[in-house]
Amino acid sequence: MLNPSIDSLLTKIDSKYSLVSVAAKRARNMQLQQNLLLDKYVSHKFVGKALEEIDADKLHYHTTASDQDALYAAK
């Protein structure tokens, strides 16, 4: 069973595609820079950690008007 649940995650980010994109970008960033936003994680893998950050409202998704690329911002 996925923790956090997909229903919980979709309340934070509007589509599954965007959710996967943001989580993958954040996971790659964590691999390269080792900057963690939470004190304790349930998951041992980077994608799971990224999903936990999204669920904890530490990671947000937004688009800009000038370019349509998805951006994520860590709090």
PDB file of N, CA and C in Angstrom:
ATOM      1  N   MET A   1       0.831  -1.176   0.000  1.00  0.00           N
ATOM      2  CA  MET A   1       0.000   0.000   0.000  1.00  0.00           C
ATOM      3  C   MET A   1       0.881   1.246   0.000  1.00  0.00           C
ATOM      4  N   LEU A   2       0.506   2.183  -0.841  1.00  0.00           N
ATOM      5  CA  LEU A   2       1.272   3.416  -0.988  1.00  0.00           C
ATOM      6  C   LEU A   2       1.046   4.332   0.201  1.00  0.00           C
ATOM      7  N   ASN A   3       2.139   4.791   0.761  1.00  0.00           N
ATOM      8  CA  ASN A   3       2.053   5.752   1.856  1.00  0.00           C
ATOM      9  C   ASN A   3       2.889   6.966   1.482  1.00  0.00           C
ATOM     10  N   PRO A   4       2.328   8.110   1.315  1.00  0.00           N
ATOM     11  CA  PRO A   4       0.944   8.549   1.492  1.00  0.00           C
ATOM     12  C   PRO A   4       0.052   8.077   0.350  1.00  0.00           C
ATOM     13  N   SER A   5      -1.245   8.064   0.596  1.00  0.00           N
ATOM     14  CA  SER A   5      -2.176   7.535  -0.397  1.00  0.00           C
ATOM     15  C   SER A   5      -2.304   8.490  -1.581  1.00  0.00           C
ATOM     16  N   ILE A   6      -2.664   7.925  -2.726  1.00  0.00           N
ATOM     17  CA  ILE A   6      -2.828   8.718  -3.941  1.00  0.00           C
ATOM     18  C   ILE A   6      -3.943   9.744  -3.777  1.00  0.00           C
ATOM     19  N   ASP A   7      -4.982   9.407  -3.038  1.00  0.00           N
ATOM     20  CA  ASP A   7      -6.077  10.354  -2.801  1.00  0.00           C
ATOM     21  C   ASP A   7      -5.587  11.566  -2.019  1.00  0.00           C
ATOM     22  N   SER A   8      -4.760  11.328  -1.031  1.00  0.00           N
ATOM     23  CA  SER A   8      -4.198  12.420  -0.237  1.00  0.00           C
ATOM     24  C   SER A   8      -3.291  13.299  -1.090  1.00  0.00           C
ATOM     25  N   LEU A   9      -2.492  12.683  -1.943  1.00  0.00           N
ATOM     26  CA  LEU A   9      -1.568  13.438  -2.790  1.00  0.00           C
ATOM     27  C   LEU A   9      -2.299  14.261  -3.842  1.00  0.00           C
ATOM     28  N   LEU A  10      -3.391  13.732  -4.378  1.00  0.00           N
ATOM     29  CA  LEU A  10      -4.131  14.462  -5.406  1.00  0.00           C
ATOM     30  C   LEU A  10      -4.892  15.662  -4.853  1.00  0.00           C
ATOM     31  N   THR A  11      -5.022  15.766  -3.549  1.00  0.00           N
ATOM     32  CA  THR A  11      -5.582  16.990  -2.971  1.00  0.00           C
ATOM     33  C   THR A  11      -4.523  18.091  -2.938  1.00  0.00           C
ATOM     34  N   LYS A  12      -3.248  17.730  -3.006  1.00  0.00           N
ATOM     35  CA  LYS A  12      -2.151  18.696  -2.986  1.00  0.00           C
ATOM     36  C   LYS A  12      -1.771  19.171  -4.385  1.00  0.00           C
ATOM     37  N   ILE A  13      -1.732  18.227  -5.336  1.00  0.00           N
ATOM     38  CA  ILE A  13      -1.388  18.513  -6.730  1.00  0.00           C
ATOM     39  C   ILE A  13      -2.513  17.974  -7.600  1.00  0.00           C
ATOM     40  N   ASP A  14      -2.945  18.765  -8.558  1.00  0.00           N
ATOM     41  CA  ASP A  14      -4.200  18.533  -9.260  1.00  0.00           C
ATOM     42  C   ASP A  14      -4.261  17.332 -10.204  1.00  0.00           C
ATOM     43  N   SER A  15      -3.159  16.864 -10.748  1.00  0.00           N
ATOM     44  CA  SER A  15      -3.231  15.742 -11.689  1.00  0.00           C
ATOM     45  C   SER A  15      -2.133  14.720 -11.400  1.00  0.00           C
ATOM     46  N   LYS A  16      -2.379  13.500 -11.825  1.00  0.00           N
ATOM     47  CA  LYS A  16      -1.396  12.429 -11.615  1.00  0.00           C
ATOM     48  C   LYS A  16      -0.112  12.711 -12.397  1.00  0.00           C
ATOM     49  N   TYR A  17      -0.264  13.244 -13.600  1.00  0.00           N
ATOM     50  CA  TYR A  17       0.902  13.559 -14.420  1.00  0.00           C
ATOM     51  C   TYR A  17       1.790  14.582 -13.708  1.00  0.00           C
ATOM     52  N   SER A  18       1.194  15.633 -13.213  1.00  0.00           N
ATOM     53  CA  SER A  18       1.949  16.667 -12.498  1.00  0.00           C
ATOM     54  C   SER A  18       2.583  16.106 -11.236  1.00  0.00           C
ATOM     55  N   LEU A  19       1.854  15.269 -10.542  1.00  0.00           N
ATOM     56  CA  LEU A  19       2.364  14.644  -9.320  1.00  0.00           C
ATOM     57  C   LEU A  19       3.619  13.823  -9.605  1.00  0.00           C
ATOM     58  N   VAL A  20       3.570  13.009 -10.639  1.00  0.00           N
ATOM     59  CA  VAL A  20       4.719  12.168 -11.011  1.00  0.00           C
ATOM     60  C   VAL A  20       5.896  13.036 -11.443  1.00  0.00           C
ATOM     61  N   SER A  21       5.607  14.073 -12.208  1.00  0.00           N
ATOM     62  CA  SER A  21       6.659  14.957 -12.700  1.00  0.00           C
ATOM     63  C   SER A  21       7.372  15.676 -11.554  1.00  0.00           C
ATOM     64  N   VAL A  22       6.611  16.232 -10.628  1.00  0.00           N
ATOM     65  CA  VAL A  22       7.191  16.946  -9.491  1.00  0.00           C
ATOM     66  C   VAL A  22       7.977  15.985  -8.599  1.00  0.00           C
ATOM     67  N   ALA A  23       7.410  14.825  -8.325  1.00  0.00           N
ATOM     68  CA  ALA A  23       8.092  13.852  -7.464  1.00  0.00           C
ATOM     69  C   ALA A  23       9.397  13.376  -8.099  1.00  0.00           C
ATOM     70  N   ALA A  24       9.394  13.140  -9.401  1.00  0.00           N
ATOM     71  CA  ALA A  24      10.609  12.677 -10.081  1.00  0.00           C
ATOM     72  C   ALA A  24      11.692  13.747 -10.063  1.00  0.00           C
ATOM     73  N   LYS A  25      11.306  15.001 -10.311  1.00  0.00           N
ATOM     74  CA  LYS A  25      12.289  16.088 -10.284  1.00  0.00           C
ATOM     75  C   LYS A  25      12.876  16.269  -8.886  1.00  0.00           C
ATOM     76  N   ARG A  26      12.017  16.184  -7.889  1.00  0.00           N
ATOM     77  CA  ARG A  26      12.486  16.336  -6.506  1.00  0.00           C
ATOM     78  C   ARG A  26      13.384  15.168  -6.096  1.00  0.00           C
ATOM     79  N   ALA A  27      13.028  13.963  -6.530  1.00  0.00           N
ATOM     80  CA  ALA A  27      13.835  12.786  -6.208  1.00  0.00           C
ATOM     81  C   ALA A  27      15.233  12.919  -6.808  1.00  0.00           C
ATOM     82  N   ARG A  28      15.320  13.395  -8.036  1.00  0.00           N
ATOM     83  CA  ARG A  28      16.618  13.595  -8.680  1.00  0.00           C
ATOM     84  C   ARG A  28      17.425  14.653  -7.920  1.00  0.00           C
ATOM     85  N   ASN A  29      16.743  15.711  -7.509  1.00  0.00           N
ATOM     86  CA  ASN A  29      17.392  16.777  -6.744  1.00  0.00           C
ATOM     87  C   ASN A  29      17.931  16.247  -5.411  1.00  0.00           C
ATOM     88  N   MET A  30      17.156  15.405  -4.744  1.00  0.00           N
ATOM     89  CA  MET A  30      17.610  14.828  -3.470  1.00  0.00           C
ATOM     90  C   MET A  30      18.815  13.923  -3.672  1.00  0.00           C
ATOM     91  N   GLN A  31      18.834  13.183  -4.770  1.00  0.00           N
ATOM     92  CA  GLN A  31      19.965  12.296  -5.051  1.00  0.00           C
ATOM     93  C   GLN A  31      21.255  13.088  -5.228  1.00  0.00           C
ATOM     94  N   LEU A  32      21.144  14.211  -5.927  1.00  0.00           N
ATOM     95  CA  LEU A  32      22.334  14.990  -6.235  1.00  0.00           C
ATOM     96  C   LEU A  32      22.800  15.868  -5.084  1.00  0.00           C
ATOM     97  N   GLN A  33      21.852  16.451  -4.342  1.00  0.00           N
ATOM     98  CA  GLN A  33      22.231  17.439  -3.339  1.00  0.00           C
ATOM     99  C   GLN A  33      22.058  16.991  -1.893  1.00  0.00           C
ATOM    100  N   GLN A  34      21.349  15.908  -1.659  1.00  0.00           N
ATOM    101  CA  GLN A  34      21.123  15.394  -0.304  1.00  0.00           C
ATOM    102  C   GLN A  34      20.488  16.432   0.629  1.00  0.00           C
ATOM    103  N   ASN A  35      19.622  17.295   0.086  1.00  0.00           N
ATOM    104  CA  ASN A  35      18.928  18.270   0.928  1.00  0.00           C
ATOM    105  C   ASN A  35      17.529  17.750   1.244  1.00  0.00           C
ATOM    106  N   LEU A  36      17.293  17.417   2.476  1.00  0.00           N
ATOM    107  CA  LEU A  36      16.033  16.836   2.915  1.00  0.00           C
ATOM    108  C   LEU A  36      15.204  17.888   3.630  1.00  0.00           C
ATOM    109  N   LEU A  37      13.877  17.867   3.392  1.00  0.00           N
ATOM    110  CA  LEU A  37      12.985  18.859   3.976  1.00  0.00           C
ATOM    111  C   LEU A  37      12.271  18.372   5.232  1.00  0.00           C
ATOM    112  N   LEU A  38      12.221  17.074   5.443  1.00  0.00           N
ATOM    113  CA  LEU A  38      11.564  16.518   6.625  1.00  0.00           C
ATOM    114  C   LEU A  38      12.613  15.929   7.564  1.00  0.00           C
ATOM    115  N   ASP A  39      12.262  15.854   8.827  1.00  0.00           N
ATOM    116  CA  ASP A  39      13.183  15.274   9.804  1.00  0.00           C
ATOM    117  C   ASP A  39      13.222  13.753   9.731  1.00  0.00           C
ATOM    118  N   LYS A  40      12.061  13.134   9.489  1.00  0.00           N
ATOM    119  CA  LYS A  40      11.966  11.681   9.459  1.00  0.00           C
ATOM    120  C   LYS A  40      11.091  11.245   8.284  1.00  0.00           C
ATOM    121  N   TYR A  41      11.545  10.218   7.581  1.00  0.00           N
ATOM    122  CA  TYR A  41      10.822   9.672   6.430  1.00  0.00           C
ATOM    123  C   TYR A  41      10.457   8.217   6.697  1.00  0.00           C
ATOM    124  N   VAL A  42       9.339   7.788   6.126  1.00  0.00           N
ATOM    125  CA  VAL A  42       8.936   6.389   6.188  1.00  0.00           C
ATOM    126  C   VAL A  42       9.645   5.616   5.086  1.00  0.00           C
ATOM    127  N   SER A  43       9.715   6.210   3.917  1.00  0.00           N
ATOM    128  CA  SER A  43      10.291   5.567   2.743  1.00  0.00           C
ATOM    129  C   SER A  43      11.819   5.634   2.768  1.00  0.00           C
ATOM    130  N   HIS A  44      12.447   4.639   2.148  1.00  0.00           N
ATOM    131  CA  HIS A  44      13.897   4.615   2.026  1.00  0.00           C
ATOM    132  C   HIS A  44      14.342   5.104   0.652  1.00  0.00           C
ATOM    133  N   LYS A  45      13.404   5.173  -0.295  1.00  0.00           N
ATOM    134  CA  LYS A  45      13.722   5.568  -1.662  1.00  0.00           C
ATOM    135  C   LYS A  45      13.402   7.044  -1.871  1.00  0.00           C
ATOM    136  N   PHE A  46      14.097   7.663  -2.816  1.00  0.00           N
ATOM    137  CA  PHE A  46      13.974   9.094  -3.028  1.00  0.00           C
ATOM    138  C   PHE A  46      12.593   9.507  -3.546  1.00  0.00           C
ATOM    139  N   VAL A  47      11.991   8.725  -4.411  1.00  0.00           N
ATOM    140  CA  VAL A  47      10.657   9.069  -4.920  1.00  0.00           C
ATOM    141  C   VAL A  47       9.635   9.017  -3.788  1.00  0.00           C
ATOM    142  N   GLY A  48       9.727   8.031  -2.936  1.00  0.00           N
ATOM    143  CA  GLY A  48       8.841   7.940  -1.784  1.00  0.00           C
ATOM    144  C   GLY A  48       9.028   9.114  -0.840  1.00  0.00           C
ATOM    145  N   LYS A  49      10.277   9.527  -0.651  1.00  0.00           N
ATOM    146  CA  LYS A  49      10.555  10.690   0.192  1.00  0.00           C
ATOM    147  C   LYS A  49       9.964  11.957  -0.420  1.00  0.00           C
ATOM    148  N   ALA A  50      10.065  12.091  -1.735  1.00  0.00           N
ATOM    149  CA  ALA A  50       9.487  13.254  -2.408  1.00  0.00           C
ATOM    150  C   ALA A  50       7.969  13.279  -2.246  1.00  0.00           C
ATOM    151  N   LEU A  51       7.324  12.120  -2.354  1.00  0.00           N
ATOM    152  CA  LEU A  51       5.878  12.057  -2.161  1.00  0.00           C
ATOM    153  C   LEU A  51       5.492  12.411  -0.728  1.00  0.00           C
ATOM    154  N   GLU A  52       6.302  12.009   0.231  1.00  0.00           N
ATOM    155  CA  GLU A  52       6.043  12.363   1.628  1.00  0.00           C
ATOM    156  C   GLU A  52       6.166  13.879   1.829  1.00  0.00           C
ATOM    157  N   GLU A  53       7.122  14.500   1.151  1.00  0.00           N
ATOM    158  CA  GLU A  53       7.276  15.954   1.253  1.00  0.00           C
ATOM    159  C   GLU A  53       6.072  16.683   0.656  1.00  0.00           C
ATOM    160  N   ILE A  54       5.560  16.166  -0.447  1.00  0.00           N
ATOM    161  CA  ILE A  54       4.363  16.761  -1.056  1.00  0.00           C
ATOM    162  C   ILE A  54       3.189  16.638  -0.099  1.00  0.00           C
ATOM    163  N   ASP A  55       3.026  15.481   0.499  1.00  0.00           N
ATOM    164  CA  ASP A  55       1.915  15.254   1.420  1.00  0.00           C
ATOM    165  C   ASP A  55       2.025  16.123   2.673  1.00  0.00           C
ATOM    166  N   ALA A  56       3.236  16.438   3.093  1.00  0.00           N
ATOM    167  CA  ALA A  56       3.461  17.257   4.286  1.00  0.00           C
ATOM    168  C   ALA A  56       3.435  18.757   3.972  1.00  0.00           C
ATOM    169  N   ASP A  57       3.071  19.125   2.745  1.00  0.00           N
ATOM    170  CA  ASP A  57       3.024  20.523   2.301  1.00  0.00           C
ATOM    171  C   ASP A  57       4.381  21.214   2.355  1.00  0.00           C
ATOM    172  N   LYS A  58       5.433  20.461   2.184  1.00  0.00           N
ATOM    173  CA  LYS A  58       6.774  21.039   2.117  1.00  0.00           C
ATOM    174  C   LYS A  58       7.205  21.286   0.674  1.00  0.00           C
ATOM    175  N   LEU A  59       6.454  20.740  -0.264  1.00  0.00           N
ATOM    176  CA  LEU A  59       6.786  20.845  -1.678  1.00  0.00           C
ATOM    177  C   LEU A  59       5.529  21.239  -2.416  1.00  0.00           C
ATOM    178  N   HIS A  60       5.623  22.282  -3.242  1.00  0.00           N
ATOM    179  CA  HIS A  60       4.463  22.791  -3.967  1.00  0.00           C
ATOM    180  C   HIS A  60       4.756  22.858  -5.454  1.00  0.00           C
ATOM    181  N   TYR A  61       3.703  22.867  -6.232  1.00  0.00           N
ATOM    182  CA  TYR A  61       3.777  22.872  -7.680  1.00  0.00           C
ATOM    183  C   TYR A  61       3.059  24.106  -8.201  1.00  0.00           C
ATOM    184  N   HIS A  62       3.680  24.806  -9.141  1.00  0.00           N
ATOM    185  CA  HIS A  62       3.007  25.934  -9.781  1.00  0.00           C
ATOM    186  C   HIS A  62       3.559  26.117 -11.180  1.00  0.00           C
ATOM    187  N   THR A  63       2.796  26.783 -12.027  1.00  0.00           N
ATOM    188  CA  THR A  63       3.244  27.110 -13.368  1.00  0.00           C
ATOM    189  C   THR A  63       3.354  28.622 -13.476  1.00  0.00           C
ATOM    190  N   THR A  64       4.176  29.064 -14.373  1.00  0.00           N
ATOM    191  CA  THR A  64       4.326  30.496 -14.588  1.00  0.00           C
ATOM    192  C   THR A  64       3.630  30.879 -15.886  1.00  0.00           C
ATOM    193  N   ALA A  65       3.240  32.121 -16.000  1.00  0.00           N
ATOM    194  CA  ALA A  65       2.539  32.581 -17.191  1.00  0.00           C
ATOM    195  C   ALA A  65       3.483  32.692 -18.384  1.00  0.00           C
ATOM    196  N   SER A  66       4.748  33.026 -18.155  1.00  0.00           N
ATOM    197  CA  SER A  66       5.685  33.217 -19.258  1.00  0.00           C
ATOM    198  C   SER A  66       6.093  31.904 -19.927  1.00  0.00           C
ATOM    199  N   ASP A  67       6.282  30.861 -19.157  1.00  0.00           N
ATOM    200  CA  ASP A  67       6.554  29.552 -19.742  1.00  0.00           C
ATOM    201  C   ASP A  67       5.698  28.512 -19.043  1.00  0.00           C
ATOM    202  N   GLN A  68       5.319  27.501 -19.745  1.00  0.00           N
ATOM    203  CA  GLN A  68       4.372  26.516 -19.233  1.00  0.00           C
ATOM    204  C   GLN A  68       5.055  25.340 -18.555  1.00  0.00           C
ATOM    205  N   ASP A  69       6.346  25.437 -18.299  1.00  0.00           N
ATOM    206  CA  ASP A  69       7.045  24.355 -17.609  1.00  0.00           C
ATOM    207  C   ASP A  69       6.625  24.309 -16.153  1.00  0.00           C
ATOM    208  N   ALA A  70       6.485  23.120 -15.635  1.00  0.00           N
ATOM    209  CA  ALA A  70       6.120  22.939 -14.226  1.00  0.00           C
ATOM    210  C   ALA A  70       7.323  23.230 -13.351  1.00  0.00           C
ATOM    211  N   LEU A  71       7.100  23.970 -12.326  1.00  0.00           N
ATOM    212  CA  LEU A  71       8.141  24.270 -11.364  1.00  0.00           C
ATOM    213  C   LEU A  71       7.725  23.760 -10.014  1.00  0.00           C
ATOM    214  N   TYR A  72       8.669  23.399  -9.185  1.00  0.00           N
ATOM    215  CA  TYR A  72       8.343  23.037  -7.832  1.00  0.00           C
ATOM    216  C   TYR A  72       9.168  23.899  -6.893  1.00  0.00           C
ATOM    217  N   ALA A  73       8.609  24.187  -5.779  1.00  0.00           N
ATOM    218  CA  ALA A  73       9.294  25.028  -4.803  1.00  0.00           C
ATOM    219  C   ALA A  73       9.246  24.379  -3.439  1.00  0.00           C
ATOM    220  N   ALA A  74      10.359  24.285  -2.830  1.00  0.00           N
ATOM    221  CA  ALA A  74      10.428  23.739  -1.473  1.00  0.00           C
ATOM    222  C   ALA A  74      10.261  24.872  -0.484  1.00  0.00           C
ATOM    223  N   LYS A  75       9.522  24.614   0.574  1.00  0.00           N
ATOM    224  CA  LYS A  75       9.350  25.622   1.625  1.00  0.00           C
ATOM    225  C   LYS A  75      10.538  25.630   2.535  1.00  0.00           C
TER     226      LYS A  75
END
